[in-house]
């Protein structure tokens, strides 16, 4: 097999709808059974377990990057943006193609054994996480940093049961409401489900007292000691840095290394699809960000202003059908001099494959919200790439933001590089 074969197997051949994966019952029991069949790799290495609606990828990567060197650190992020191997990194290095193929071969007996078992067949997400955890065990990591896929309480990553697991909860907002709940306290209860029983946690203090009360209640019920980090609502990147520093302080006390002193600028983190600049051959820059909630888009806009200054610019936007298109478009239209709405393929794997939100429907919504902003409909990523290259070389902007979905970035980036 090749890496492409593994990707095809996970995203097409193996994929099962994850609708029941994040609920109590067969979904989580299946995750536990998988880990048991593989010798419980999730508990082989001390872990930092990160949940939250926004900022968890940044915090996870910042912690892993700072701790690498004194420690050998494995990092699992979800979803990957461009390369499956983003889920399997050790000290910042992607797993090799041969390692990924071997990891799938190692999990195959469990896949076959569980296919007809009482809990139902495995999902792509469960298998890819198991592969990552096996990789970290094989590489004899001293620490693993694991980002939740969705929620927390019934996420496959919550099979980590070590008493020394350090749980981390970052910003909590509305997302995946059909699964996690329709109110912030309900969603907070799912995120706080990763808190370690009798252990420690680092939690960004929620702005809403009701949400804080839910997290504090879960911590009390689990006798989990919480280190609260006060928010900095004016700068989300600084806020993420404060959380990462608190995590590294705890880890430093445990390991005897000055890990917090190794924390660099979060703006320099190697994060695919987060405020990622792509230089265009014709001049200008496409600025790619997978922001797919109103909160994440607002944070992206704030950083855009801080880095490149305020002002209206050409924008590209597209989103999955389950996202809050109206609320996100309101954020974008307040910034756009010209908006390109785009359709793109959703590749499958963590979610069902299929089309994105119809760009014509996005255009109609944009016309309703801000009729003064001109809108271009791009039916596919090549059409959006043409818009970006033309807009970036125009008089009104050299930076063209592209946001709304990691799947959009995956479809668009290769078309922009070198154009």
Protein backbone atom coordinates (compact mmCIF):
# COMPACT_ATOMS: atom_id res chain seq x y z
CA UNK A 1 0.00 0.00 0.00
CA UNK A 2 0.94 3.64 -0.43
CA UNK A 3 -0.07 6.63 1.67
CA UNK A 4 -2.71 7.41 -0.95
CA UNK A 5 -4.09 3.89 -0.50
CA UNK A 6 -4.31 4.40 3.26
CA UNK A 7 -6.14 7.70 2.79
CA UNK A 8 -8.56 6.10 0.34
CA UNK A 9 -9.17 3.21 2.73
CA UNK A 10 -9.88 5.51 5.68
CA UNK A 11 -11.95 8.10 3.84
CA UNK A 12 -13.91 5.87 1.48
CA UNK A 13 -13.69 2.14 2.20
CA UNK A 14 -13.78 2.26 5.99
CA UNK A 15 -15.85 5.37 6.65
CA UNK A 16 -18.93 4.87 8.79
CA UNK A 17 -21.30 7.66 9.75
CA UNK A 18 -20.12 9.05 13.10
CA UNK A 19 -23.63 10.01 14.21
CA UNK A 20 -23.54 7.64 17.18
CA UNK A 21 -19.86 8.01 17.94
CA UNK A 22 -20.18 10.87 20.41
CA UNK A 23 -23.11 9.61 22.44
CA UNK A 24 -23.12 7.38 25.47
CA UNK A 25 -23.59 3.77 24.46
CA UNK A 26 -22.29 1.76 21.54
CA UNK A 27 -20.18 4.53 20.06
CA UNK A 28 -17.96 5.09 23.08
CA UNK A 29 -18.01 1.41 24.02
CA UNK A 30 -16.66 0.68 20.54
CA UNK A 31 -13.81 3.11 21.11
CA UNK A 32 -12.95 1.47 24.42
CA UNK A 33 -13.06 -1.99 22.86
CA UNK A 34 -10.73 -0.93 20.06
CA UNK A 35 -8.14 0.44 22.46
CA UNK A 36 -8.33 -2.70 24.61
CA UNK A 37 -7.81 -4.89 21.53
CA UNK A 38 -4.63 -2.94 20.73
CA UNK A 39 -3.17 -3.10 24.23
CA UNK A 40 -4.47 0.30 25.39
CA UNK A 41 -1.99 2.55 23.55
CA UNK A 42 -3.91 5.61 24.75
CA UNK A 43 -2.58 5.02 28.26
CA UNK A 44 0.98 4.06 27.34
CA UNK A 45 2.36 7.62 27.53
CA UNK A 46 1.60 10.64 29.77
CA UNK A 47 -0.91 12.83 27.96
CA UNK A 48 -2.12 16.39 27.59
CA UNK A 49 -5.74 16.20 26.38
CA UNK A 50 -7.16 19.38 24.81
CA UNK A 51 -10.83 20.18 24.23
CA UNK A 52 -12.73 23.32 23.30
CA UNK A 53 -14.51 25.00 20.41
CA UNK A 54 -11.76 27.38 19.34
CA UNK A 55 -8.04 27.48 19.99
CA UNK A 56 -7.41 23.84 20.81
CA UNK A 57 -5.25 23.19 17.73
CA UNK A 58 -3.16 26.27 18.47
CA UNK A 59 -2.72 25.40 22.15
CA UNK A 60 -1.96 21.75 21.41
CA UNK A 61 0.68 22.66 18.83
CA UNK A 62 2.21 25.36 21.05
CA UNK A 63 2.56 22.94 23.97
CA UNK A 64 4.00 20.16 21.80
CA UNK A 65 6.46 22.53 20.11
CA UNK A 66 7.73 24.02 23.37
CA UNK A 67 8.07 20.65 25.12
CA UNK A 68 9.92 19.01 22.21
CA UNK A 69 13.64 18.88 22.89
CA UNK A 70 13.69 18.19 26.61
CA UNK A 71 10.98 15.60 25.89
CA UNK A 72 10.05 13.47 22.91
CA UNK A 73 6.52 14.64 22.13
CA UNK A 74 3.83 13.13 19.95
CA UNK A 75 1.06 15.40 18.63
CA UNK A 76 -2.34 14.33 17.36
CA UNK A 77 -4.54 17.01 15.77
CA UNK A 78 -7.98 16.69 14.24
CA UNK A 79 -8.84 17.22 11.51
CA UNK A 80 -5.76 17.20 9.32
CA UNK A 81 -5.77 19.89 6.65
CA UNK A 82 -3.49 18.80 3.80
CA UNK A 83 -1.81 15.55 4.81
CA UNK A 84 -3.13 12.63 6.89
CA UNK A 85 0.28 12.46 8.57
CA UNK A 86 -0.42 15.75 10.34
CA UNK A 87 -2.18 13.48 12.85
CA UNK A 88 1.01 11.50 13.46
CA UNK A 89 3.84 13.90 14.33
CA UNK A 90 6.72 13.37 16.76
CA UNK A 91 8.86 16.38 17.65
CA UNK A 92 7.34 18.22 14.72
CA UNK A 93 8.20 15.52 12.18
CA UNK A 94 5.50 13.79 10.15
CA UNK A 95 5.42 10.01 10.21
CA UNK A 96 6.90 8.46 7.09
CA UNK A 97 4.68 6.90 4.44
CA UNK A 98 6.06 3.47 5.37
CA UNK A 99 5.23 4.02 9.03
CA UNK A 100 1.63 4.98 8.23
CA UNK A 101 1.16 1.89 6.06
CA UNK A 102 2.61 -0.31 8.81
CA UNK A 103 0.34 1.30 11.42
CA UNK A 104 -2.77 0.52 9.39
CA UNK A 105 -1.59 -3.06 8.97
CA UNK A 106 -1.21 -3.27 12.74
CA UNK A 107 -4.80 -2.14 13.31
CA UNK A 108 -6.34 -4.31 10.57
CA UNK A 109 -6.91 -7.40 12.76
CA UNK A 110 -8.94 -5.30 15.21
CA UNK A 111 -10.88 -3.75 12.33
CA UNK A 112 -11.81 -7.20 11.06
CA UNK A 113 -12.61 -8.58 14.51
CA UNK A 114 -14.90 -5.71 15.41
CA UNK A 115 -16.68 -5.44 12.07
CA UNK A 116 -19.31 -7.97 13.11
CA UNK A 117 -19.00 -7.45 16.84
CA UNK A 118 -21.59 -6.13 19.29
CA UNK A 119 -20.53 -2.49 18.94
CA UNK A 120 -20.60 -2.25 15.17
CA UNK A 121 -17.84 -1.48 12.65
CA UNK A 122 -15.10 1.01 13.39
CA UNK A 123 -15.07 4.53 11.99
CA UNK A 124 -12.24 6.25 10.15
CA UNK A 125 -11.66 8.60 13.07
CA UNK A 126 -11.35 5.77 15.57
CA UNK A 127 -8.85 3.94 13.38
CA UNK A 128 -6.71 7.00 12.57
CA UNK A 129 -6.53 7.95 16.26
CA UNK A 130 -5.52 4.39 17.18
CA UNK A 131 -2.80 4.52 14.52
CA UNK A 132 -1.47 7.77 16.00
CA UNK A 133 -1.40 6.41 19.54
CA UNK A 134 0.40 3.27 18.40
CA UNK A 135 2.92 5.43 16.56
CA UNK A 136 3.63 7.45 19.70
CA UNK A 137 4.10 4.26 21.72
CA UNK A 138 6.44 2.78 19.12
CA UNK A 139 8.49 5.98 19.05
CA UNK A 140 8.81 5.87 22.86
CA UNK A 141 7.41 9.34 23.37
CA UNK A 142 7.72 10.95 26.79
CA UNK A 143 4.52 12.94 26.28
CA UNK A 144 1.61 13.00 23.86
CA UNK A 145 -0.60 16.01 23.17
CA UNK A 146 -4.01 14.93 21.88
CA UNK A 147 -6.67 17.23 20.45
CA UNK A 148 -10.26 16.03 20.71
CA UNK A 149 -12.16 15.45 17.51
CA UNK A 150 -15.60 16.56 18.65
CA UNK A 151 -16.86 17.41 22.10
CA UNK A 152 -15.01 15.51 24.77
CA UNK A 153 -17.09 13.29 27.01
CA UNK A 154 -17.80 10.64 24.37
CA UNK A 155 -15.00 11.48 21.96
CA UNK A 156 -12.69 8.56 21.20
CA UNK A 157 -9.79 10.50 22.70
CA UNK A 158 -11.52 10.33 26.09
CA UNK A 159 -10.52 6.69 26.34
CA UNK A 160 -7.35 8.13 27.93
CA UNK A 161 -7.76 7.18 31.61
CA UNK A 162 -4.32 7.75 33.12
CA UNK A 163 -4.54 9.51 36.46
CA UNK A 164 -1.75 11.86 35.41
CA UNK A 165 -3.54 13.03 32.26
CA UNK A 166 -3.55 16.82 32.13
CA UNK A 167 -6.90 17.98 30.77
CA UNK A 168 -7.10 21.34 29.00
CA UNK A 169 -10.28 23.20 28.04
CA UNK A 170 -10.06 26.32 25.87
CA UNK A 171 -12.80 28.61 24.50
CA UNK A 172 -16.30 27.16 24.49
CA UNK A 173 -18.84 28.25 21.91
CA UNK A 174 -21.68 26.84 19.84
CA UNK A 175 -20.71 24.24 17.24
CA UNK A 176 -21.88 20.73 16.32
CA UNK A 177 -25.10 21.51 18.18
CA UNK A 178 -26.96 18.50 16.80
CA UNK A 179 -24.51 16.31 18.71
CA UNK A 180 -23.28 18.39 21.65
CA UNK A 181 -26.39 20.36 22.62
CA UNK A 182 -28.05 23.65 21.76
CA UNK A 183 -26.98 25.72 24.78
CA UNK A 184 -23.54 26.75 25.97
CA UNK A 185 -23.94 24.94 29.33
CA UNK A 186 -24.86 21.73 27.50
CA UNK A 187 -21.84 22.07 25.22
CA UNK A 188 -19.63 22.93 28.19
CA UNK A 189 -20.66 19.71 29.93
CA UNK A 190 -19.46 17.75 26.90
CA UNK A 191 -16.13 19.60 26.77
CA UNK A 192 -15.61 19.24 30.52
CA UNK A 193 -16.14 15.52 30.15
CA UNK A 194 -12.39 15.15 29.58
CA UNK A 195 -11.51 16.38 33.11
CA UNK A 196 -9.36 13.82 34.88
CA UNK A 197 -10.77 12.06 37.92
CA UNK A 198 -8.52 12.92 40.83
CA UNK A 199 -6.17 14.75 38.46
CA UNK A 200 -5.35 18.21 37.16
CA UNK A 201 -6.75 20.51 34.51
CA UNK A 202 -6.01 23.87 32.93
CA UNK A 203 -9.17 25.72 31.92
CA UNK A 204 -9.69 29.05 30.21
CA UNK A 205 -12.25 30.75 32.43
CA UNK A 206 -15.49 31.10 30.43
CA UNK A 207 -16.96 34.56 30.03
CA UNK A 208 -20.45 33.25 30.84
CA UNK A 209 -20.84 32.50 34.59
CA UNK A 210 -23.31 29.70 33.82
CA UNK A 211 -20.73 27.99 31.62
CA UNK A 212 -18.04 28.41 34.27
CA UNK A 213 -20.39 26.87 36.83
CA UNK A 214 -20.87 23.79 34.66
CA UNK A 215 -17.11 23.27 34.26
CA UNK A 216 -16.49 23.91 37.95
CA UNK A 217 -19.25 21.46 38.87
CA UNK A 218 -17.76 18.75 36.68
CA UNK A 219 -14.35 19.40 38.23
CA UNK A 220 -15.77 19.11 41.76
CA UNK A 221 -17.60 15.89 40.90
CA UNK A 222 -14.36 14.40 39.58
CA UNK A 223 -12.18 15.91 42.33
CA UNK A 224 -10.10 17.45 39.58
CA UNK A 225 -7.86 20.38 40.56
CA UNK A 226 -8.36 23.23 38.11
CA UNK A 227 -5.91 25.96 37.24
CA UNK A 228 -8.10 28.72 35.80
CA UNK A 229 -6.66 31.05 33.16
CA UNK A 230 -8.33 34.44 32.99
CA UNK A 231 -9.40 35.39 29.46
CA UNK A 232 -8.05 38.19 27.30
CA UNK A 233 -10.99 38.89 25.02
CA UNK A 234 -9.04 41.53 23.16
CA UNK A 235 -6.49 39.14 21.69
CA UNK A 236 -7.32 35.47 21.12
CA UNK A 237 -3.74 34.57 20.23
CA UNK A 238 -2.49 36.04 23.52
CA UNK A 239 -5.26 34.12 25.27
CA UNK A 240 -4.13 30.87 23.68
CA UNK A 241 -0.58 31.70 24.72
CA UNK A 242 -1.66 32.15 28.34
CA UNK A 243 -3.33 28.73 28.32
CA UNK A 244 -0.29 27.10 26.72
CA UNK A 245 2.04 28.72 29.27
CA UNK A 246 -0.10 27.45 32.15
CA UNK A 247 -0.01 23.92 30.70
CA UNK A 248 3.76 24.10 30.30
CA UNK A 249 4.12 25.36 33.88
CA UNK A 250 2.32 22.25 35.13
CA UNK A 251 4.37 19.97 32.88
CA UNK A 252 7.57 21.72 33.92
CA UNK A 253 6.83 21.06 37.58
CA UNK A 254 6.24 17.41 36.77
CA UNK A 255 9.31 16.89 34.59
CA UNK A 256 11.86 19.28 36.09
CA UNK A 257 12.33 21.15 32.80
CA UNK A 258 11.69 24.86 32.20
CA UNK A 259 9.16 24.19 29.47
CA UNK A 260 7.24 27.47 29.82
CA UNK A 261 10.48 29.33 29.13
CA UNK A 262 10.65 27.59 25.76
CA UNK A 263 7.29 28.91 24.59
CA UNK A 264 7.82 31.09 21.55
CA UNK A 265 5.49 33.38 19.63
CA UNK A 266 2.28 31.62 18.73
CA UNK A 267 2.24 33.69 15.54
CA UNK A 268 5.23 31.65 14.35
CA UNK A 269 3.72 28.21 14.97
CA UNK A 270 3.74 25.79 12.01
CA UNK A 271 -0.03 25.41 11.88
CA UNK A 272 -1.51 24.31 8.55
CA UNK A 273 -4.62 26.26 7.67
CA UNK A 274 -4.41 28.76 10.53
CA UNK A 275 -3.55 32.27 9.37
CA UNK A 276 -1.43 30.61 6.70
CA UNK A 277 0.05 32.92 4.05
CA UNK A 278 0.49 31.64 0.49
CA UNK A 279 2.59 33.88 -1.74
CA UNK A 280 1.20 34.18 -5.26
CA UNK A 281 3.46 34.28 -8.30
CA UNK A 282 1.50 37.20 -9.74
CA UNK A 283 1.93 39.25 -6.57
CA UNK A 284 0.06 39.46 -3.33
CA UNK A 285 -0.82 36.85 -0.74
CA UNK A 286 -3.70 34.51 -0.06
CA UNK A 287 -4.26 34.23 3.69
CA UNK A 288 -5.80 30.85 4.48
CA UNK A 289 -7.69 30.08 7.67
CA UNK A 290 -10.06 27.22 8.40
CA UNK A 291 -12.25 29.38 10.66
CA UNK A 292 -15.69 27.73 10.47
CA UNK A 293 -17.68 29.30 13.30
CA UNK A 294 -18.60 32.94 13.95
CA UNK A 295 -16.25 32.97 16.96
CA UNK A 296 -13.32 31.63 14.95
CA UNK A 297 -13.99 34.04 12.10
CA UNK A 298 -14.09 36.96 14.53
CA UNK A 299 -10.74 35.87 15.96
CA UNK A 300 -9.32 35.59 12.42
CA UNK A 301 -10.54 39.10 11.58
CA UNK A 302 -9.03 40.47 14.78
CA UNK A 303 -5.64 38.96 13.93
CA UNK A 304 -5.98 40.18 10.34
CA UNK A 305 -6.45 43.73 11.58
CA UNK A 306 -3.53 43.46 13.99
CA UNK A 307 -1.21 42.07 11.32
CA UNK A 308 -2.27 43.81 8.11
CA UNK A 309 -4.36 46.70 9.35
CA UNK A 310 -8.12 47.30 9.11
CA UNK A 311 -9.92 47.99 5.88
CA UNK A 312 -12.09 46.23 3.35
CA UNK A 313 -10.49 43.54 1.19
CA UNK A 314 -11.58 40.94 -1.35
CA UNK A 315 -12.59 37.74 0.49
CA UNK A 316 -13.24 34.12 -0.43
CA UNK A 317 -15.72 32.16 1.69
CA UNK A 318 -17.30 28.71 1.61
CA UNK A 319 -18.66 26.42 4.31
CA UNK A 320 -20.11 23.00 5.05
CA UNK A 321 -23.91 22.64 5.07
CA UNK A 322 -24.06 22.14 8.84
CA UNK A 323 -22.40 25.46 9.66
CA UNK A 324 -23.97 28.81 10.61
CA UNK A 325 -23.70 30.43 7.18
CA UNK A 326 -25.75 33.51 8.01
CA UNK A 327 -23.77 34.39 11.15
CA UNK A 328 -20.42 33.74 9.45
CA UNK A 329 -21.34 35.75 6.37
CA UNK A 330 -22.28 38.67 8.60
CA UNK A 331 -18.71 38.68 9.94
CA UNK A 332 -17.18 38.40 6.47
CA UNK A 333 -19.41 40.99 4.80
CA UNK A 334 -18.44 43.58 7.40
CA UNK A 335 -14.86 43.21 6.06
CA UNK A 336 -15.27 42.45 2.36
CA UNK A 337 -14.91 44.90 -0.51
CA UNK A 338 -15.81 42.05 -2.87
CA UNK A 339 -16.90 38.56 -1.85
CA UNK A 340 -16.30 35.32 -3.73
CA UNK A 341 -18.45 32.44 -2.50
CA UNK A 342 -17.23 29.01 -3.53
CA UNK A 343 -18.32 25.41 -3.67
CA UNK A 344 -15.85 22.66 -2.81
CA UNK A 345 -15.79 18.90 -2.17
CA UNK A 346 -15.87 17.46 1.35
CA UNK A 347 -13.46 14.55 1.22
CA UNK A 348 -14.95 12.26 3.87
CA UNK A 349 -13.19 10.43 6.66
CA UNK A 350 -14.21 12.27 9.82
CA UNK A 351 -17.48 13.36 8.20
CA UNK A 352 -19.49 12.08 5.23
CA UNK A 353 -18.15 13.02 1.81
CA UNK A 354 -20.31 15.34 -0.25
CA UNK A 355 -20.74 18.88 -1.55
CA UNK A 356 -20.35 22.05 0.46
CA UNK A 357 -23.09 24.63 0.87
CA UNK A 358 -24.32 25.71 -2.57
CA UNK A 359 -22.43 28.92 -3.43
CA UNK A 360 -25.53 30.27 -5.17
CA UNK A 361 -27.39 29.98 -1.86
CA UNK A 362 -24.52 31.78 -0.10
CA UNK A 363 -24.65 34.53 -2.73
CA UNK A 364 -28.38 35.01 -2.17
CA UNK A 365 -27.84 35.21 1.56
CA UNK A 366 -25.01 37.71 1.10
CA UNK A 367 -27.22 39.88 -1.11
CA UNK A 368 -29.83 39.89 1.63
CA UNK A 369 -27.35 40.78 4.38
CA UNK A 370 -25.21 43.34 2.55
CA UNK A 371 -26.53 44.24 -0.93
CA UNK A 372 -23.80 46.87 -1.35
CA UNK A 373 -21.02 44.25 -1.42
CA UNK A 374 -20.46 42.74 -4.89
CA UNK A 375 -20.49 38.95 -4.95
CA UNK A 376 -18.85 36.51 -7.36
CA UNK A 377 -20.07 32.90 -7.44
CA UNK A 378 -17.28 30.37 -7.95
CA UNK A 379 -18.76 26.93 -8.62
CA UNK A 380 -15.50 25.16 -7.79
CA UNK A 381 -12.00 25.73 -6.34
CA UNK A 382 -10.32 26.51 -9.71
CA UNK A 383 -12.74 29.39 -10.23
CA UNK A 384 -12.03 30.64 -6.71
CA UNK A 385 -8.28 30.38 -7.34
CA UNK A 386 -8.68 32.59 -10.40
CA UNK A 387 -10.57 35.13 -8.31
CA UNK A 388 -7.82 35.13 -5.65
CA UNK A 389 -4.95 35.66 -8.08
CA UNK A 390 -6.74 38.50 -9.85
CA UNK A 391 -7.92 40.16 -6.64
CA UNK A 392 -4.52 39.93 -4.93
CA UNK A 393 -2.82 41.79 -7.75
CA UNK A 394 -5.46 44.53 -7.85
CA UNK A 395 -5.23 48.05 -6.47
CA UNK A 396 -7.50 47.56 -3.45
CA UNK A 397 -5.65 44.73 -1.68
CA UNK A 398 -2.56 42.57 -1.76
CA UNK A 399 -3.90 40.21 0.91
CA UNK A 400 -6.96 38.10 0.13
CA UNK A 401 -8.42 36.19 3.10
CA UNK A 402 -9.83 32.72 2.41
CA UNK A 403 -11.90 31.18 5.20
CA UNK A 404 -14.85 28.99 6.16
CA UNK A 405 -13.63 25.40 6.11
CA UNK A 406 -10.47 23.31 6.27
CA UNK A 407 -11.91 21.30 3.39
CA UNK A 408 -11.99 24.48 1.29
CA UNK A 409 -8.33 25.12 2.07
CA UNK A 410 -7.39 21.54 1.17
CA UNK A 411 -9.08 21.91 -2.20
CA UNK A 412 -7.73 25.39 -2.92
CA UNK A 413 -4.15 25.61 -1.64
CA UNK A 414 -2.50 23.41 -4.29
CA UNK A 415 -4.15 25.55 -6.97
CA UNK A 416 -2.73 28.74 -5.45
CA UNK A 417 0.85 27.62 -4.85
CA UNK A 418 2.96 28.85 -7.72
CA UNK A 419 0.11 30.69 -9.48
